[in-house]
Amino acid sequence: MKHRLFLLVLLSILSLSKIDAQLHIPSLSPYAKVEQDLGLTSIQVWYARPSARGRTIFGDKGLVRYGEFWRTGANAATKVTIEQDIYIQDQMLMKGSYALLTQPSLTNWTLSFYPYESGNWNSYVDKTPTLKVSAPSSTSRDFQESFSIYFDQLELGSAQLVFAWAKTRVQATVRVDFKEKVLKDIDRTLAGPSKNEYFQAGLFLHEVGMDLEQALAYVQQVTRKGNNPLFFQVHREALILADLKRNEEALEVTQQALKLSKEAGNNDFIRLCEQLIEKLKS
């Protein structure tokens, strides 16, 4: 009887555990994602947003103590991902993903960026950050109920990364270099298509069987004398000529492709060229 009673109790506990495992409730500090394009790059911030709910937030007696490390939100370490190198408070942070921990004080916050490993914010405290900067803190007249991270004062290559909660507002300047890249892109575009772009265009037209004359013209922008064409580019020219029934020209070009393939030591294209030569001679 006791054995049966114990078994019933055990089954009840297991049953309740299963129910608990399926229980989902709203988070008191829901997650949010902020994504901002800046210059030619993108910055993403993942963080959890706690609310004040009548509590004192910052200070020696607050929820977030002055001078102590804070995960910069709730639940887990805030994660920042940048696609290109940026500058925060005029100090460079290389592209990648980082855990952001802060140390608030009355007049400024210390922002520490660590290579992101996990959401366990305590694991970063004793490590050396990749970047450590200071950002000024001010008091706002407006009360911010829920902790917020956002970008403000957007310009072509700069913005303010803002942290706001209760009546505290912190701003860090974020800047990206983009002028040099844009100038290079302008020069490249105005100079016309590159050899590779001509080849890719010709390759596409040939593969889909559209306008073979135009495909040949594109490829010959690469294979003509003085351009030092590669074996596979010359082989493609030969294939297009063969499809255009210009066999004599195709044979001559294939022999050139064979020579280049042998110089490159590419056995696959050596065989392809030999097969095409045999086909053109038959």
Protein backbone atom coordinates (compact mmCIF):
# COMPACT_ATOMS: atom_id res chain seq x y z
CA MET A 1 0.00 0.00 0.00
CA LYS A 2 2.82 2.38 0.91
CA HIS A 3 4.63 1.47 -2.30
CA ARG A 4 1.52 2.24 -4.34
CA LEU A 5 1.03 5.59 -2.52
CA PHE A 6 4.65 6.55 -3.16
CA LEU A 7 4.23 5.70 -6.85
CA LEU A 8 1.11 7.86 -7.12
CA VAL A 9 2.87 10.82 -5.49
CA LEU A 10 5.86 10.39 -7.82
CA LEU A 11 3.61 10.29 -10.87
CA SER A 12 1.82 13.43 -9.66
CA ILE A 13 5.14 15.29 -9.27
CA LEU A 14 6.29 14.20 -12.71
CA SER A 15 2.98 15.26 -14.17
CA LEU A 16 3.21 18.69 -12.55
CA SER A 17 6.81 19.05 -13.76
CA LYS A 18 5.66 18.35 -17.29
CA ILE A 19 2.96 21.00 -16.98
CA ASP A 20 5.50 23.49 -15.60
CA ALA A 21 7.84 22.81 -18.51
CA GLN A 22 5.07 23.81 -20.91
CA LEU A 23 4.17 27.00 -19.04
CA HIS A 24 4.94 30.24 -20.86
CA ILE A 25 4.30 33.66 -19.33
CA PRO A 26 5.12 37.17 -20.59
CA SER A 27 8.52 38.52 -19.57
CA LEU A 28 8.60 41.41 -17.12
CA SER A 29 11.60 42.69 -19.10
CA PRO A 30 10.83 41.88 -22.75
CA TYR A 31 13.60 41.68 -25.32
CA ALA A 32 14.01 44.32 -28.00
CA LYS A 33 16.19 44.76 -31.06
CA VAL A 34 17.38 48.12 -32.34
CA GLU A 35 18.89 48.21 -35.82
CA GLN A 36 20.29 51.38 -37.31
CA ASP A 37 21.96 52.03 -40.66
CA LEU A 38 24.79 54.51 -40.32
CA GLY A 39 26.90 55.60 -43.27
CA LEU A 40 27.44 52.37 -45.19
CA THR A 41 27.17 50.02 -42.23
CA SER A 42 24.53 48.67 -39.88
CA ILE A 43 24.52 48.47 -36.08
CA GLN A 44 22.26 46.08 -34.15
CA VAL A 45 21.59 46.09 -30.41
CA TRP A 46 19.77 43.26 -28.62
CA TYR A 47 18.73 43.97 -25.02
CA ALA A 48 16.01 43.40 -22.45
CA ARG A 49 13.87 46.32 -21.25
CA PRO A 50 13.13 46.41 -17.51
CA SER A 51 10.60 48.92 -16.19
CA ALA A 52 10.88 51.16 -13.14
CA ARG A 53 7.57 50.11 -11.52
CA GLY A 54 7.96 52.69 -8.75
CA ARG A 55 11.50 51.71 -7.83
CA THR A 56 14.54 53.95 -7.40
CA ILE A 57 16.71 53.06 -10.42
CA PHE A 58 20.17 54.62 -10.20
CA GLY A 59 22.25 55.55 -7.18
CA ASP A 60 23.83 54.13 -4.07
CA LYS A 61 20.42 52.92 -2.93
CA GLY A 62 19.01 52.23 -6.36
CA LEU A 63 18.35 49.11 -8.36
CA VAL A 64 21.53 49.85 -10.36
CA ARG A 65 24.31 50.90 -7.99
CA TYR A 66 26.81 53.53 -8.97
CA GLY A 67 30.22 52.15 -9.91
CA GLU A 68 29.05 48.55 -10.23
CA PHE A 69 28.92 46.56 -13.48
CA TRP A 70 25.48 46.42 -15.07
CA ARG A 71 24.35 44.18 -17.90
CA THR A 72 22.79 47.30 -19.48
CA GLY A 73 19.29 45.96 -19.36
CA ALA A 74 17.84 42.82 -17.80
CA ASN A 75 18.06 39.04 -18.13
CA ALA A 76 21.37 38.83 -20.02
CA ALA A 77 24.26 40.89 -21.32
CA THR A 78 23.29 43.38 -24.00
CA LYS A 79 24.68 42.34 -27.41
CA VAL A 80 25.96 44.81 -29.99
CA THR A 81 26.82 43.74 -33.55
CA ILE A 82 28.51 45.99 -36.13
CA GLU A 83 29.13 45.14 -39.79
CA GLN A 84 32.11 47.47 -40.23
CA ASP A 85 34.59 49.23 -37.96
CA ILE A 86 33.07 52.17 -36.11
CA TYR A 87 34.22 54.83 -33.65
CA ILE A 88 32.57 55.25 -30.25
CA GLN A 89 33.57 58.41 -28.43
CA ASP A 90 36.34 58.71 -31.07
CA GLN A 91 37.82 55.30 -30.22
CA MET A 92 37.69 52.54 -32.83
CA LEU A 93 35.70 49.35 -32.33
CA MET A 94 36.34 46.72 -35.00
CA LYS A 95 33.48 44.93 -36.72
CA GLY A 96 32.01 41.96 -34.83
CA SER A 97 29.67 41.12 -31.96
CA TYR A 98 30.21 42.43 -28.45
CA ALA A 99 28.72 42.14 -24.99
CA LEU A 100 28.12 45.60 -23.56
CA LEU A 101 28.51 46.16 -19.82
CA THR A 102 28.22 49.58 -18.24
CA GLN A 103 29.22 51.17 -14.93
CA PRO A 104 26.85 54.09 -14.25
CA SER A 105 27.70 57.07 -12.08
CA LEU A 106 26.03 60.41 -11.47
CA THR A 107 28.01 62.32 -14.10
CA ASN A 108 29.16 59.66 -16.60
CA TRP A 109 28.91 56.01 -17.55
CA THR A 110 31.76 53.70 -18.44
CA LEU A 111 30.92 51.57 -21.48
CA SER A 112 32.89 48.31 -21.83
CA PHE A 113 32.71 46.16 -24.97
CA TYR A 114 33.80 42.49 -24.77
CA PRO A 115 33.97 39.93 -27.61
CA TYR A 116 30.55 38.26 -27.36
CA GLU A 117 30.61 34.70 -25.99
CA SER A 118 27.27 34.26 -24.22
CA GLY A 119 24.52 36.15 -22.44
CA ASN A 120 26.09 35.39 -19.03
CA TRP A 121 27.12 38.93 -18.15
CA ASN A 122 29.04 37.91 -15.00
CA SER A 123 31.52 36.00 -17.14
CA TYR A 124 32.84 39.28 -18.60
CA VAL A 125 33.41 41.24 -15.39
CA ASP A 126 36.97 39.99 -14.75
CA LYS A 127 38.03 40.16 -18.41
CA THR A 128 39.75 42.99 -20.23
CA PRO A 129 37.33 44.75 -22.62
CA THR A 130 38.18 45.32 -26.25
CA LEU A 131 37.04 48.92 -25.84
CA LYS A 132 36.35 51.00 -22.76
CA VAL A 133 34.99 54.55 -23.09
CA SER A 134 33.27 57.15 -20.94
CA ALA A 135 30.01 58.86 -21.90
CA PRO A 136 28.38 61.80 -20.08
CA SER A 137 25.24 61.30 -18.04
CA SER A 138 22.56 63.95 -17.59
CA THR A 139 19.20 64.36 -15.88
CA SER A 140 16.10 64.65 -18.01
CA ARG A 141 12.87 66.43 -17.07
CA ASP A 142 10.88 63.56 -18.63
CA PHE A 143 10.54 60.23 -16.85
CA GLN A 144 11.34 57.12 -18.92
CA GLU A 145 9.40 54.20 -17.43
CA SER A 146 11.09 51.42 -19.41
CA PHE A 147 14.82 51.23 -20.12
CA SER A 148 15.53 52.22 -23.71
CA ILE A 149 18.51 52.11 -26.06
CA TYR A 150 18.15 54.01 -29.32
CA PHE A 151 19.96 56.17 -31.86
CA ASP A 152 19.34 59.90 -32.16
CA GLN A 153 20.70 62.96 -33.99
CA LEU A 154 21.42 60.96 -37.13
CA GLU A 155 23.74 62.47 -39.72
CA LEU A 156 25.46 60.97 -42.77
CA GLY A 157 28.20 59.30 -40.75
CA SER A 158 27.42 59.89 -37.09
CA ALA A 159 24.73 59.50 -34.45
CA GLN A 160 24.18 59.51 -30.73
CA LEU A 161 23.78 56.14 -29.03
CA VAL A 162 21.34 56.90 -26.22
CA PHE A 163 20.64 55.03 -22.97
CA ALA A 164 17.57 56.31 -21.14
CA TRP A 165 15.83 55.14 -17.97
CA ALA A 166 13.93 56.98 -15.26
CA LYS A 167 15.33 60.53 -15.47
CA THR A 168 18.83 59.49 -16.53
CA ARG A 169 20.00 59.99 -20.08
CA VAL A 170 23.42 58.99 -21.44
CA GLN A 171 24.75 59.77 -24.93
CA ALA A 172 27.77 58.28 -26.69
CA THR A 173 28.85 59.55 -30.10
CA VAL A 174 29.05 56.87 -32.78
CA ARG A 175 30.89 57.65 -36.01
CA VAL A 176 31.75 55.71 -39.18
CA ASP A 177 34.22 56.45 -41.97
CA PHE A 178 32.55 56.14 -45.35
CA LYS A 179 33.82 58.97 -47.56
CA GLU A 180 36.90 57.13 -48.88
CA LYS A 181 34.86 54.05 -49.80
CA VAL A 182 32.21 56.14 -51.54
CA LEU A 183 34.86 58.01 -53.53
CA LYS A 184 36.43 54.71 -54.62
CA ASP A 185 33.00 53.39 -55.65
CA ILE A 186 32.36 56.58 -57.63
CA ASP A 187 35.69 56.27 -59.44
CA ARG A 188 35.07 52.58 -60.18
CA THR A 189 31.54 53.16 -61.44
CA LEU A 190 32.43 56.11 -63.62
CA ALA A 191 35.38 54.20 -65.05
CA GLY A 192 32.96 51.62 -66.41
CA PRO A 193 32.50 47.90 -65.81
CA SER A 194 35.47 45.84 -64.63
CA LYS A 195 36.88 42.95 -66.66
CA ASN A 196 35.23 40.51 -64.28
CA GLU A 197 31.85 42.20 -64.70
CA TYR A 198 32.16 41.98 -68.49
CA PHE A 199 33.03 38.29 -68.19
CA GLN A 200 30.17 37.54 -65.79
CA ALA A 201 27.72 39.30 -68.12
CA GLY A 202 28.94 37.29 -71.11
CA LEU A 203 28.88 34.08 -69.09
CA PHE A 204 25.27 34.70 -68.07
CA LEU A 205 24.06 35.44 -71.61
CA HIS A 206 25.80 32.34 -72.93
CA GLU A 207 24.48 30.04 -70.19
CA VAL A 208 20.87 31.14 -70.73
CA GLY A 209 21.25 31.15 -74.52
CA MET A 210 20.42 34.81 -75.01
CA ASP A 211 22.08 37.10 -77.58
CA LEU A 212 25.27 35.12 -78.21
CA GLU A 213 26.77 37.95 -80.26
CA GLN A 214 26.50 40.24 -77.24
CA ALA A 215 27.83 37.49 -74.97
CA LEU A 216 30.87 37.19 -77.24
CA ALA A 217 31.39 40.96 -77.24
CA TYR A 218 31.36 41.01 -73.45
CA VAL A 219 33.79 38.11 -73.08
CA GLN A 220 36.14 39.54 -75.68
CA GLN A 221 36.41 42.67 -73.54
CA VAL A 222 38.41 40.36 -71.25
CA THR A 223 40.14 38.02 -73.70
CA ARG A 224 41.44 40.51 -76.21
CA LYS A 225 45.22 40.99 -76.38
CA GLY A 226 46.87 42.94 -73.61
CA ASN A 227 44.36 41.91 -70.93
CA ASN A 228 46.26 38.79 -69.82
CA PRO A 229 43.11 36.62 -69.86
CA LEU A 230 42.82 33.47 -67.81
CA PHE A 231 42.45 30.01 -69.34
CA PHE A 232 38.80 29.58 -68.38
CA GLN A 233 37.90 32.97 -69.85
CA VAL A 234 39.48 32.10 -73.23
CA HIS A 235 37.79 28.69 -73.12
CA ARG A 236 34.42 30.43 -72.66
CA GLU A 237 35.13 32.61 -75.70
CA ALA A 238 35.81 29.44 -77.71
CA LEU A 239 32.54 27.86 -76.55
CA ILE A 240 30.55 30.92 -77.64
CA LEU A 241 32.27 30.98 -81.02
CA ALA A 242 31.48 27.28 -81.46
CA ASP A 243 27.80 27.90 -80.64
CA LEU A 244 27.83 30.69 -83.22
CA LYS A 245 29.14 28.13 -85.78
CA ARG A 246 32.33 30.14 -86.24
CA ASN A 247 34.40 26.97 -86.04
CA GLU A 248 37.69 28.20 -87.49
CA GLU A 249 37.85 31.06 -84.99
CA ALA A 250 36.68 28.71 -82.22
CA LEU A 251 39.49 26.27 -83.01
CA GLU A 252 42.14 28.97 -82.91
CA VAL A 253 40.83 30.33 -79.59
CA THR A 254 40.55 26.82 -78.08
CA GLN A 255 44.21 26.16 -78.89
CA GLN A 256 45.07 29.37 -77.05
CA ALA A 257 42.94 28.23 -74.10
CA LEU A 258 44.72 24.85 -74.13
CA LYS A 259 48.10 26.56 -73.99
CA LEU A 260 47.00 28.72 -71.03
CA SER A 261 45.48 25.69 -69.27
CA LYS A 262 48.76 23.81 -69.55
CA GLU A 263 50.68 26.80 -68.22
CA ALA A 264 48.27 26.96 -65.27
CA GLY A 265 48.51 23.20 -64.73
CA ASN A 266 44.73 22.82 -64.76
CA ASN A 267 44.06 19.26 -65.92
CA ASP A 268 40.28 19.71 -66.02
CA PHE A 269 40.46 22.50 -68.58
CA ILE A 270 43.21 20.74 -70.51
CA ARG A 271 40.77 17.88 -71.06
CA LEU A 272 37.90 20.24 -71.90
CA CYS A 273 40.01 22.05 -74.47
CA GLU A 274 41.21 18.80 -76.05
CA GLN A 275 37.64 17.55 -76.28
CA LEU A 276 36.49 20.80 -77.88
CA ILE A 277 39.36 20.73 -80.38
CA GLU A 278 38.46 17.18 -81.35
CA LYS A 279 34.82 18.17 -81.79
CA LEU A 280 35.68 21.24 -83.91
CA LYS A 281 37.97 19.20 -86.21
CA SER A 282 35.40 16.48 -86.81
